[in-house]
Amino acid sequence: DALNLVKKYSYKELMYLTQGLLFWLEDNAKNVRDKNTFTVAKRQVEIVIDRKEREKNK
């Protein structure tokens, strides 16, 4: 289940898995509205990754 996944993978790995999934969904979206939704979601994930990286590097 999801909780075991979180324990097994680091936060960063989960973020990259999510990002990969969103790339795939975006590529395979059947219509423009879905494609836009996934593009926005992907951007949000990138923002979170960037923020976490900056916090870690302080």
Protein backbone atom coordinates (compact mmCIF):
# COMPACT_ATOMS: atom_id res chain seq x y z
CA ASP A 1 0.00 0.00 0.00
CA ALA A 2 0.93 3.67 -0.20
CA LEU A 3 2.41 3.91 3.30
CA ASN A 4 4.90 1.12 2.59
CA LEU A 5 5.93 2.91 -0.61
CA VAL A 6 6.68 6.05 1.37
CA LYS A 7 8.81 4.10 3.83
CA LYS A 8 10.71 2.34 1.05
CA TYR A 9 11.48 5.39 -1.06
CA SER A 10 12.99 8.71 -0.12
CA TYR A 11 10.98 11.89 -0.54
CA LYS A 12 13.07 12.81 -3.56
CA GLU A 13 12.54 9.43 -5.23
CA LEU A 14 8.78 9.70 -4.70
CA MET A 15 8.79 13.19 -6.20
CA TYR A 16 10.67 11.96 -9.27
CA LEU A 17 8.32 8.98 -9.62
CA THR A 18 5.37 11.39 -9.44
CA GLN A 19 7.00 13.66 -12.00
CA GLY A 20 7.60 10.72 -14.34
CA LEU A 21 3.99 9.64 -14.00
CA LEU A 22 2.79 13.17 -14.78
CA PHE A 23 5.04 13.33 -17.87
CA TRP A 24 3.53 10.05 -19.04
CA LEU A 25 -0.05 11.21 -18.35
CA GLU A 26 0.61 14.51 -20.12
CA ASP A 27 2.00 12.71 -23.18
CA ASN A 28 -0.94 10.32 -23.30
CA ALA A 29 -3.71 12.80 -22.51
CA LYS A 30 -6.53 12.42 -25.02
CA ASN A 31 -7.64 16.04 -25.02
CA VAL A 32 -6.30 19.53 -24.46
CA ARG A 33 -8.02 20.10 -21.11
CA ASP A 34 -6.48 16.96 -19.59
CA LYS A 35 -3.10 17.85 -21.09
CA ASN A 36 -3.26 21.30 -19.47
CA THR A 37 -4.23 19.80 -16.12
CA PHE A 38 -1.22 17.46 -16.17
CA THR A 39 1.10 20.26 -17.30
CA VAL A 40 0.02 22.37 -14.31
CA ALA A 41 0.37 19.42 -11.94
CA LYS A 42 3.84 18.68 -13.30
CA ARG A 43 4.87 22.29 -12.74
CA GLN A 44 3.62 22.12 -9.13
CA VAL A 45 5.74 19.01 -8.51
CA GLU A 46 8.79 20.77 -10.00
CA ILE A 47 8.20 23.73 -7.66
CA VAL A 48 8.05 21.41 -4.64
CA ILE A 49 11.26 19.62 -5.72
CA ASP A 50 13.05 22.96 -6.20
CA ARG A 51 11.89 24.22 -2.80
CA LYS A 52 13.03 21.04 -1.03
CA GLU A 53 16.42 21.19 -2.79
CA ARG A 54 16.91 24.82 -1.71
CA GLU A 55 15.94 24.03 1.90
CA LYS A 56 18.39 21.14 1.94
CA ASN A 57 21.25 23.22 0.52
CA LYS A 58 20.93 26.07 3.03
